[in-house]
Amino acid sequence: MLLNKLPDNAHKYSHGTVAVVAGSAQYPGAAVLTIGGARRGGSGYIRYISQDNFCKSLVITTFPDVVCEDNVSSVEVDAWVIGPGNPQPIYNSISSPITYLVLDAGAIREIKEYSAKFIVVTPHVGEARKIGFESGVSEIERKKLALKMAEELQCVVLLKGRKSVVVSPSGAYFVDDIAGPELATAGTGDILSGLIGSMLASWKPENVNEVAEVVFKAVTAHALAGREAAKLIAPVTATDILERLPYLLRNYQENTID
């Protein structure tokens, strides 16, 4: 199962809440794509945090079920997703304890500024290089890089690219053999970050290896949605993947649910 099964007495808070900090004047679309991914990961309540009125307008126009807020000081959620689209840093503003924290794009460089029970970073090789982790691009080199990052940063690492790698500092290791080149287009990483945060909030894993497993569930769902989109349309764009994601998850759930 990719999505956590909802109990009969579920309500919007019981199956996960997520706060998303994404998008900027330069990359406003990242807010919409990240929120779009978060809405499909099983979480029942999505909060979008931004002081950019244009980004908030895009989000609420596209997704009227999302709650938009100006600041983070009073936000209490199960998971945070920070960084897609290079929003303004917020590490000095969060006062509530963080359980699950997903850092993407420029926010990965701020990892030492955050305190969370479980942290997930989602770099590609170029972003890893920007924070001091050099690597080649072969599968073996990328595996070594992901392991090194997980150990040194003490977090779960999703190293994106061909055969994306998910590694925990405690030894959990997963490789994506599903995704194809259709994911190599702008915005797909934003969707994946939101999806990861939402799945973490919904599944609520209890240790770092379980966190890695949930991250890989998101990677798998994202890859399968990309593959399904590629059967229907070409070239595939990020919005195509976002549109296919709920159908993929529904069909997968129906075929695997207990």
C-alpha atoms as a PDB file:
ATOM      1  CA  MET A   1       0.000   0.000   0.000  1.00  0.00           C
ATOM      2  CA  LEU A   2       1.237   3.449  -0.861  1.00  0.00           C
ATOM      3  CA  LEU A   3      -1.442   5.430   0.986  1.00  0.00           C
ATOM      4  CA  ASN A   4      -2.228   4.842   4.626  1.00  0.00           C
ATOM      5  CA  LYS A   5      -5.663   3.236   5.020  1.00  0.00           C
ATOM      6  CA  LEU A   6      -8.123   5.556   6.767  1.00  0.00           C
ATOM      7  CA  PRO A   7     -10.082   4.225   9.746  1.00  0.00           C
ATOM      8  CA  ASP A   8     -13.852   4.636   9.693  1.00  0.00           C
ATOM      9  CA  ASN A   9     -13.674   7.347  12.367  1.00  0.00           C
ATOM     10  CA  ALA A  10     -11.009   9.435  10.576  1.00  0.00           C
ATOM     11  CA  HIS A  11     -11.284  13.224  10.512  1.00  0.00           C
ATOM     12  CA  LYS A  12      -9.246  15.876   8.734  1.00  0.00           C
ATOM     13  CA  TYR A  13      -6.705  16.229  11.539  1.00  0.00           C
ATOM     14  CA  SER A  14      -6.338  12.560  12.436  1.00  0.00           C
ATOM     15  CA  HIS A  15      -4.704  11.489   9.195  1.00  0.00           C
ATOM     16  CA  GLY A  16      -2.069  14.175   9.043  1.00  0.00           C
ATOM     17  CA  THR A  17      -1.486  17.902   8.783  1.00  0.00           C
ATOM     18  CA  VAL A  18       1.176  19.506   6.608  1.00  0.00           C
ATOM     19  CA  ALA A  19       2.643  22.995   6.370  1.00  0.00           C
ATOM     20  CA  VAL A  20       4.208  23.986   3.046  1.00  0.00           C
ATOM     21  CA  VAL A  21       6.661  26.850   2.613  1.00  0.00           C
ATOM     22  CA  ALA A  22       7.319  27.079  -1.111  1.00  0.00           C
ATOM     23  CA  GLY A  23       7.330  29.458  -4.027  1.00  0.00           C
ATOM     24  CA  SER A  24       8.676  32.977  -4.486  1.00  0.00           C
ATOM     25  CA  ALA A  25       8.296  35.950  -6.790  1.00  0.00           C
ATOM     26  CA  GLN A  26      10.736  34.266  -9.169  1.00  0.00           C
ATOM     27  CA  TYR A  27       9.184  30.779  -8.926  1.00  0.00           C
ATOM     28  CA  PRO A  28       5.529  31.151  -7.907  1.00  0.00           C
ATOM     29  CA  GLY A  29       4.489  27.951  -9.667  1.00  0.00           C
ATOM     30  CA  ALA A  30       6.524  25.896  -7.217  1.00  0.00           C
ATOM     31  CA  ALA A  31       3.976  26.732  -4.534  1.00  0.00           C
ATOM     32  CA  VAL A  32       1.119  25.287  -6.594  1.00  0.00           C
ATOM     33  CA  LEU A  33       3.044  22.144  -7.561  1.00  0.00           C
ATOM     34  CA  THR A  34       4.252  21.441  -4.024  1.00  0.00           C
ATOM     35  CA  ILE A  35       0.771  21.942  -2.606  1.00  0.00           C
ATOM     36  CA  GLY A  36      -0.612  19.751  -5.387  1.00  0.00           C
ATOM     37  CA  GLY A  37       1.673  16.908  -4.356  1.00  0.00           C
ATOM     38  CA  ALA A  38       0.841  17.397  -0.679  1.00  0.00           C
ATOM     39  CA  ARG A  39      -2.890  17.140  -1.349  1.00  0.00           C
ATOM     40  CA  ARG A  40      -2.439  13.636  -2.787  1.00  0.00           C
ATOM     41  CA  GLY A  41      -0.318  12.004  -0.079  1.00  0.00           C
ATOM     42  CA  GLY A  42      -3.054  11.199   2.416  1.00  0.00           C
ATOM     43  CA  SER A  43      -2.878  14.236   4.684  1.00  0.00           C
ATOM     44  CA  GLY A  44      -6.230  15.744   5.556  1.00  0.00           C
ATOM     45  CA  TYR A  45      -5.222  19.355   6.180  1.00  0.00           C
ATOM     46  CA  ILE A  46      -2.734  21.453   4.184  1.00  0.00           C
ATOM     47  CA  ARG A  47      -1.491  24.850   5.332  1.00  0.00           C
ATOM     48  CA  TYR A  48       0.378  27.120   2.934  1.00  0.00           C
ATOM     49  CA  ILE A  49       2.677  29.643   4.601  1.00  0.00           C
ATOM     50  CA  SER A  50       3.811  32.694   2.633  1.00  0.00           C
ATOM     51  CA  GLN A  51       3.916  36.468   2.749  1.00  0.00           C
ATOM     52  CA  ASP A  52       3.873  36.634  -1.047  1.00  0.00           C
ATOM     53  CA  ASN A  53       0.338  37.630  -1.994  1.00  0.00           C
ATOM     54  CA  PHE A  54       0.682  36.448  -5.588  1.00  0.00           C
ATOM     55  CA  CYS A  55       1.779  32.961  -4.490  1.00  0.00           C
ATOM     56  CA  LYS A  56      -1.090  32.782  -2.010  1.00  0.00           C
ATOM     57  CA  SER A  57      -3.534  33.881  -4.690  1.00  0.00           C
ATOM     58  CA  LEU A  58      -2.291  31.183  -7.062  1.00  0.00           C
ATOM     59  CA  VAL A  59      -2.570  28.509  -4.384  1.00  0.00           C
ATOM     60  CA  ILE A  60      -6.031  29.393  -3.098  1.00  0.00           C
ATOM     61  CA  THR A  61      -7.388  29.858  -6.639  1.00  0.00           C
ATOM     62  CA  THR A  62      -6.098  26.453  -7.695  1.00  0.00           C
ATOM     63  CA  PHE A  63      -6.817  24.613  -4.434  1.00  0.00           C
ATOM     64  CA  PRO A  64      -9.608  26.264  -2.386  1.00  0.00           C
ATOM     65  CA  ASP A  65      -9.342  23.547   0.289  1.00  0.00           C
ATOM     66  CA  VAL A  66      -5.872  24.759   1.329  1.00  0.00           C
ATOM     67  CA  VAL A  67      -5.535  27.190   4.252  1.00  0.00           C
ATOM     68  CA  CYS A  68      -3.222  30.137   3.482  1.00  0.00           C
ATOM     69  CA  GLU A  69      -1.384  31.940   6.276  1.00  0.00           C
ATOM     70  CA  ASP A  70       1.151  34.768   6.530  1.00  0.00           C
ATOM     71  CA  ASN A  71       3.555  33.471   9.168  1.00  0.00           C
ATOM     72  CA  VAL A  72       4.684  30.314  10.909  1.00  0.00           C
ATOM     73  CA  SER A  73       4.784  31.407  14.537  1.00  0.00           C
ATOM     74  CA  SER A  74       1.574  29.666  15.622  1.00  0.00           C
ATOM     75  CA  VAL A  75       1.561  26.748  13.176  1.00  0.00           C
ATOM     76  CA  GLU A  76       1.426  23.254  14.633  1.00  0.00           C
ATOM     77  CA  VAL A  77       1.445  20.414  12.113  1.00  0.00           C
ATOM     78  CA  ASP A  78       2.720  16.865  11.724  1.00  0.00           C
ATOM     79  CA  ALA A  79       5.075  17.628   8.832  1.00  0.00           C
ATOM     80  CA  TRP A  80       6.787  20.600   7.213  1.00  0.00           C
ATOM     81  CA  VAL A  81       7.845  20.918   3.575  1.00  0.00           C
ATOM     82  CA  ILE A  82      10.259  23.807   3.039  1.00  0.00           C
ATOM     83  CA  GLY A  83      12.256  25.017   0.078  1.00  0.00           C
ATOM     84  CA  PRO A  84      10.704  24.352  -3.364  1.00  0.00           C
ATOM     85  CA  GLY A  85      10.881  27.532  -5.410  1.00  0.00           C
ATOM     86  CA  ASN A  86      13.373  29.140  -3.007  1.00  0.00           C
ATOM     87  CA  PRO A  87      11.056  30.922  -0.538  1.00  0.00           C
ATOM     88  CA  GLN A  88      12.463  33.214   2.129  1.00  0.00           C
ATOM     89  CA  PRO A  89      14.218  31.323   4.988  1.00  0.00           C
ATOM     90  CA  ILE A  90      11.989  30.734   8.013  1.00  0.00           C
ATOM     91  CA  TYR A  91      14.229  28.785  10.416  1.00  0.00           C
ATOM     92  CA  ASN A  92      14.197  31.631  12.937  1.00  0.00           C
ATOM     93  CA  SER A  93      10.405  31.757  12.980  1.00  0.00           C
ATOM     94  CA  ILE A  94       9.249  28.222  13.819  1.00  0.00           C
ATOM     95  CA  SER A  95       8.579  27.882  17.530  1.00  0.00           C
ATOM     96  CA  SER A  96       6.646  24.611  17.667  1.00  0.00           C
ATOM     97  CA  PRO A  97       8.531  21.272  17.775  1.00  0.00           C
ATOM     98  CA  ILE A  98       8.954  19.647  14.361  1.00  0.00           C
ATOM     99  CA  THR A  99       8.455  15.918  13.890  1.00  0.00           C
ATOM    100  CA  TYR A 100       8.905  15.471  10.122  1.00  0.00           C
ATOM    101  CA  LEU A 101      10.805  18.053   8.083  1.00  0.00           C
ATOM    102  CA  VAL A 102      11.335  17.832   4.312  1.00  0.00           C
ATOM    103  CA  LEU A 103      13.961  20.214   2.928  1.00  0.00           C
ATOM    104  CA  ASP A 104      14.250  20.795  -0.812  1.00  0.00           C
ATOM    105  CA  ALA A 105      16.227  23.073  -3.128  1.00  0.00           C
ATOM    106  CA  GLY A 106      17.900  26.045  -1.399  1.00  0.00           C
ATOM    107  CA  ALA A 107      16.546  25.059   2.018  1.00  0.00           C
ATOM    108  CA  ILE A 108      18.849  22.025   2.039  1.00  0.00           C
ATOM    109  CA  ARG A 109      21.742  24.415   2.669  1.00  0.00           C
ATOM    110  CA  GLU A 110      19.968  25.531   5.862  1.00  0.00           C
ATOM    111  CA  ILE A 111      19.703  22.039   7.380  1.00  0.00           C
ATOM    112  CA  LYS A 112      21.910  22.902  10.371  1.00  0.00           C
ATOM    113  CA  GLU A 113      19.554  25.739  11.282  1.00  0.00           C
ATOM    114  CA  TYR A 114      16.642  23.372  11.907  1.00  0.00           C
ATOM    115  CA  SER A 115      15.844  21.010  14.742  1.00  0.00           C
ATOM    116  CA  ALA A 116      13.451  18.155  14.000  1.00  0.00           C
ATOM    117  CA  LYS A 117      12.936  14.579  15.097  1.00  0.00           C
ATOM    118  CA  PHE A 118      13.229  13.355  11.490  1.00  0.00           C
ATOM    119  CA  ILE A 119      14.690  15.321   8.581  1.00  0.00           C
ATOM    120  CA  VAL A 120      14.517  14.380   4.900  1.00  0.00           C
ATOM    121  CA  VAL A 121      16.587  16.155   2.248  1.00  0.00           C
ATOM    122  CA  THR A 122      15.866  15.799  -1.455  1.00  0.00           C
ATOM    123  CA  PRO A 123      18.887  16.951  -3.506  1.00  0.00           C
ATOM    124  CA  HIS A 124      20.033  16.024  -6.959  1.00  0.00           C
ATOM    125  CA  VAL A 125      23.784  15.706  -7.503  1.00  0.00           C
ATOM    126  CA  GLY A 126      24.168  19.419  -8.322  1.00  0.00           C
ATOM    127  CA  GLU A 127      22.434  20.509  -5.120  1.00  0.00           C
ATOM    128  CA  ALA A 128      24.517  18.054  -3.119  1.00  0.00           C
ATOM    129  CA  ARG A 129      27.630  19.643  -4.598  1.00  0.00           C
ATOM    130  CA  LYS A 130      26.493  23.085  -3.427  1.00  0.00           C
ATOM    131  CA  ILE A 131      26.649  21.930   0.193  1.00  0.00           C
ATOM    132  CA  GLY A 132      30.035  20.296  -0.178  1.00  0.00           C
ATOM    133  CA  PHE A 133      29.316  16.726  -1.300  1.00  0.00           C
ATOM    134  CA  GLU A 134      31.125  15.895  -4.524  1.00  0.00           C
ATOM    135  CA  SER A 135      30.239  12.883  -6.656  1.00  0.00           C
ATOM    136  CA  GLY A 136      30.248  11.428 -10.097  1.00  0.00           C
ATOM    137  CA  VAL A 137      27.033  10.409 -11.790  1.00  0.00           C
ATOM    138  CA  SER A 138      27.395   6.624 -12.039  1.00  0.00           C
ATOM    139  CA  GLU A 139      25.015   4.474 -10.017  1.00  0.00           C
ATOM    140  CA  ILE A 140      27.787   3.333  -7.656  1.00  0.00           C
ATOM    141  CA  GLU A 141      29.065   6.880  -7.138  1.00  0.00           C
ATOM    142  CA  ARG A 142      25.565   8.162  -6.432  1.00  0.00           C
ATOM    143  CA  LYS A 143      24.946   5.384  -3.907  1.00  0.00           C
ATOM    144  CA  LYS A 144      28.171   6.292  -2.088  1.00  0.00           C
ATOM    145  CA  LEU A 145      27.197   9.964  -2.119  1.00  0.00           C
ATOM    146  CA  ALA A 146      23.755   9.285  -0.647  1.00  0.00           C
ATOM    147  CA  LEU A 147      25.225   7.108   2.101  1.00  0.00           C
ATOM    148  CA  LYS A 148      27.838   9.729   2.937  1.00  0.00           C
ATOM    149  CA  MET A 149      25.241  12.503   3.130  1.00  0.00           C
ATOM    150  CA  ALA A 150      22.915  10.431   5.328  1.00  0.00           C
ATOM    151  CA  GLU A 151      25.716   9.607   7.747  1.00  0.00           C
ATOM    152  CA  GLU A 152      27.225  13.094   7.938  1.00  0.00           C
ATOM    153  CA  LEU A 153      23.937  15.015   8.047  1.00  0.00           C
ATOM    154  CA  GLN A 154      22.141  12.390  10.157  1.00  0.00           C
ATOM    155  CA  CYS A 155      19.023  12.518   8.054  1.00  0.00           C
ATOM    156  CA  VAL A 156      17.192  10.561   5.397  1.00  0.00           C
ATOM    157  CA  VAL A 157      18.527  11.394   1.945  1.00  0.00           C
ATOM    158  CA  LEU A 158      16.605  11.151  -1.302  1.00  0.00           C
ATOM    159  CA  LEU A 159      19.214  11.602  -4.009  1.00  0.00           C
ATOM    160  CA  LYS A 160      17.183  12.355  -7.116  1.00  0.00           C
ATOM    161  CA  GLY A 161      18.095  11.390 -10.658  1.00  0.00           C
ATOM    162  CA  ARG A 162      18.144   8.262 -12.767  1.00  0.00           C
ATOM    163  CA  LYS A 163      17.499   5.417 -10.279  1.00  0.00           C
ATOM    164  CA  SER A 164      16.805   7.741  -7.353  1.00  0.00           C
ATOM    165  CA  VAL A 165      18.277   6.527  -4.065  1.00  0.00           C
ATOM    166  CA  VAL A 166      16.706   6.736  -0.597  1.00  0.00           C
ATOM    167  CA  VAL A 167      19.076   6.148   2.327  1.00  0.00           C
ATOM    168  CA  SER A 168      18.745   6.468   6.089  1.00  0.00           C
ATOM    169  CA  PRO A 169      21.701   6.945   8.452  1.00  0.00           C
ATOM    170  CA  SER A 170      20.639   3.677  10.137  1.00  0.00           C
ATOM    171  CA  GLY A 171      21.096   1.613   7.012  1.00  0.00           C
ATOM    172  CA  ALA A 172      17.758   1.483   5.177  1.00  0.00           C
ATOM    173  CA  TYR A 173      18.411   1.646   1.440  1.00  0.00           C
ATOM    174  CA  PHE A 174      16.021   1.794  -1.530  1.00  0.00           C
ATOM    175  CA  VAL A 175      16.568   2.320  -5.263  1.00  0.00           C
ATOM    176  CA  ASP A 176      13.865   3.419  -7.702  1.00  0.00           C
ATOM    177  CA  ASP A 177      13.813   1.165 -10.766  1.00  0.00           C
ATOM    178  CA  ILE A 178      10.505   2.503 -12.098  1.00  0.00           C
ATOM    179  CA  ALA A 179      10.969   6.149 -13.073  1.00  0.00           C
ATOM    180  CA  GLY A 180      11.801   7.039 -16.640  1.00  0.00           C
ATOM    181  CA  PRO A 181      13.065  10.152 -18.419  1.00  0.00           C
ATOM    182  CA  GLU A 182       9.576  11.695 -18.367  1.00  0.00           C
ATOM    183  CA  LEU A 183      10.350  12.933 -14.846  1.00  0.00           C
ATOM    184  CA  ALA A 184      13.245  15.008 -16.187  1.00  0.00           C
ATOM    185  CA  THR A 185      11.199  18.175 -16.482  1.00  0.00           C
ATOM    186  CA  ALA A 186      10.806  21.299 -14.361  1.00  0.00           C
ATOM    187  CA  GLY A 187       8.503  21.085 -11.361  1.00  0.00           C
ATOM    188  CA  THR A 188       8.407  17.327 -10.812  1.00  0.00           C
ATOM    189  CA  GLY A 189      10.673  17.624  -7.771  1.00  0.00           C
ATOM    190  CA  ASP A 190       8.293  20.153  -6.215  1.00  0.00           C
ATOM    191  CA  ILE A 191       5.418  17.693  -6.539  1.00  0.00           C
ATOM    192  CA  LEU A 192       7.517  14.946  -4.989  1.00  0.00           C
ATOM    193  CA  SER A 193       8.511  17.088  -2.001  1.00  0.00           C
ATOM    194  CA  GLY A 194       4.883  17.853  -1.218  1.00  0.00           C
ATOM    195  CA  LEU A 195       3.922  14.208  -1.659  1.00  0.00           C
ATOM    196  CA  ILE A 196       6.674  13.096   0.736  1.00  0.00           C
ATOM    197  CA  GLY A 197       5.608  15.532   3.438  1.00  0.00           C
ATOM    198  CA  SER A 198       1.982  14.478   3.143  1.00  0.00           C
ATOM    199  CA  MET A 199       2.776  10.761   3.272  1.00  0.00           C
ATOM    200  CA  LEU A 200       4.966  11.263   6.340  1.00  0.00           C
ATOM    201  CA  ALA A 201       2.155  13.155   8.059  1.00  0.00           C
ATOM    202  CA  SER A 202      -0.330  10.426   7.189  1.00  0.00           C
ATOM    203  CA  TRP A 203       1.773   7.323   7.919  1.00  0.00           C
ATOM    204  CA  LYS A 204       3.537   8.826  10.971  1.00  0.00           C
ATOM    205  CA  PRO A 205       6.592   6.518  10.893  1.00  0.00           C
ATOM    206  CA  GLU A 206       8.209   5.938  14.276  1.00  0.00           C
ATOM    207  CA  ASN A 207      11.894   5.500  13.415  1.00  0.00           C
ATOM    208  CA  VAL A 208      14.327   6.719  10.800  1.00  0.00           C
ATOM    209  CA  ASN A 209      14.242   3.521   8.734  1.00  0.00           C
ATOM    210  CA  GLU A 210      10.447   3.700   8.601  1.00  0.00           C
ATOM    211  CA  VAL A 211      10.789   7.326   7.494  1.00  0.00           C
ATOM    212  CA  ALA A 212      13.002   6.163   4.620  1.00  0.00           C
ATOM    213  CA  GLU A 213      10.409   3.541   3.713  1.00  0.00           C
ATOM    214  CA  VAL A 214       7.632   6.143   3.547  1.00  0.00           C
ATOM    215  CA  VAL A 215       9.839   8.435   1.455  1.00  0.00           C
ATOM    216  CA  PHE A 216      10.316   5.552  -0.960  1.00  0.00           C
ATOM    217  CA  LYS A 217       6.544   5.028  -1.126  1.00  0.00           C
ATOM    218  CA  ALA A 218       6.296   8.631  -2.331  1.00  0.00           C
ATOM    219  CA  VAL A 219       9.105   8.106  -4.843  1.00  0.00           C
ATOM    220  CA  THR A 220       7.306   5.020  -6.150  1.00  0.00           C
ATOM    221  CA  ALA A 221       3.948   6.783  -6.487  1.00  0.00           C
ATOM    222  CA  HIS A 222       5.594   9.724  -8.244  1.00  0.00           C
ATOM    223  CA  ALA A 223       7.437   7.424 -10.652  1.00  0.00           C
ATOM    224  CA  LEU A 224       4.336   5.374 -11.451  1.00  0.00           C
ATOM    225  CA  ALA A 225       2.321   8.531 -12.113  1.00  0.00           C
ATOM    226  CA  GLY A 226       5.038   9.694 -14.477  1.00  0.00           C
ATOM    227  CA  ARG A 227       5.011   6.395 -16.300  1.00  0.00           C
ATOM    228  CA  GLU A 228       1.211   6.485 -16.619  1.00  0.00           C
ATOM    229  CA  ALA A 229       1.336  10.050 -17.934  1.00  0.00           C
ATOM    230  CA  ALA A 230       3.917   9.029 -20.531  1.00  0.00           C
ATOM    231  CA  LYS A 231       1.481   6.423 -21.902  1.00  0.00           C
ATOM    232  CA  LEU A 232      -1.106   9.120 -22.582  1.00  0.00           C
ATOM    233  CA  ILE A 233       0.773  12.234 -23.619  1.00  0.00           C
ATOM    234  CA  ALA A 234       4.110  13.510 -24.858  1.00  0.00           C
ATOM    235  CA  PRO A 235       6.061  15.401 -23.852  1.00  0.00           C
ATOM    236  CA  VAL A 236       5.136  14.945 -20.204  1.00  0.00           C
ATOM    237  CA  THR A 237       5.102  18.033 -17.973  1.00  0.00           C
ATOM    238  CA  ALA A 238       4.878  18.354 -14.208  1.00  0.00           C
ATOM    239  CA  THR A 239       1.174  19.181 -14.346  1.00  0.00           C
ATOM    240  CA  ASP A 240       0.547  16.002 -16.345  1.00  0.00           C
ATOM    241  CA  ILE A 241       2.111  13.990 -13.526  1.00  0.00           C
ATOM    242  CA  LEU A 242       0.083  15.874 -10.931  1.00  0.00           C
ATOM    243  CA  GLU A 243      -3.111  15.105 -12.848  1.00  0.00           C
ATOM    244  CA  ARG A 244      -2.326  11.375 -13.107  1.00  0.00           C
ATOM    245  CA  LEU A 245      -1.245  10.957  -9.494  1.00  0.00           C
ATOM    246  CA  PRO A 246      -4.699  10.533  -7.875  1.00  0.00           C
ATOM    247  CA  TYR A 247      -5.813   7.973 -10.468  1.00  0.00           C
ATOM    248  CA  LEU A 248      -2.604   6.018 -10.084  1.00  0.00           C
ATOM    249  CA  LEU A 249      -2.928   6.011  -6.303  1.00  0.00           C
ATOM    250  CA  ARG A 250      -6.583   4.957  -6.463  1.00  0.00           C
ATOM    251  CA  ASN A 251      -5.903   2.067  -8.825  1.00  0.00           C
ATOM    252  CA  TYR A 252      -2.833   0.956  -6.897  1.00  0.00           C
ATOM    253  CA  GLN A 253      -4.755   1.113  -3.636  1.00  0.00           C
ATOM    254  CA  GLU A 254      -7.658  -0.923  -4.991  1.00  0.00           C
ATOM    255  CA  ASN A 255      -5.313  -3.651  -6.209  1.00  0.00           C
ATOM    256  CA  THR A 256      -3.233  -3.903  -3.005  1.00  0.00           C
ATOM    257  CA  ILE A 257      -5.528  -3.031  -0.108  1.00  0.00           C
ATOM    258  CA  ASP A 258      -6.128  -5.793   2.466  1.00  0.00           C
END
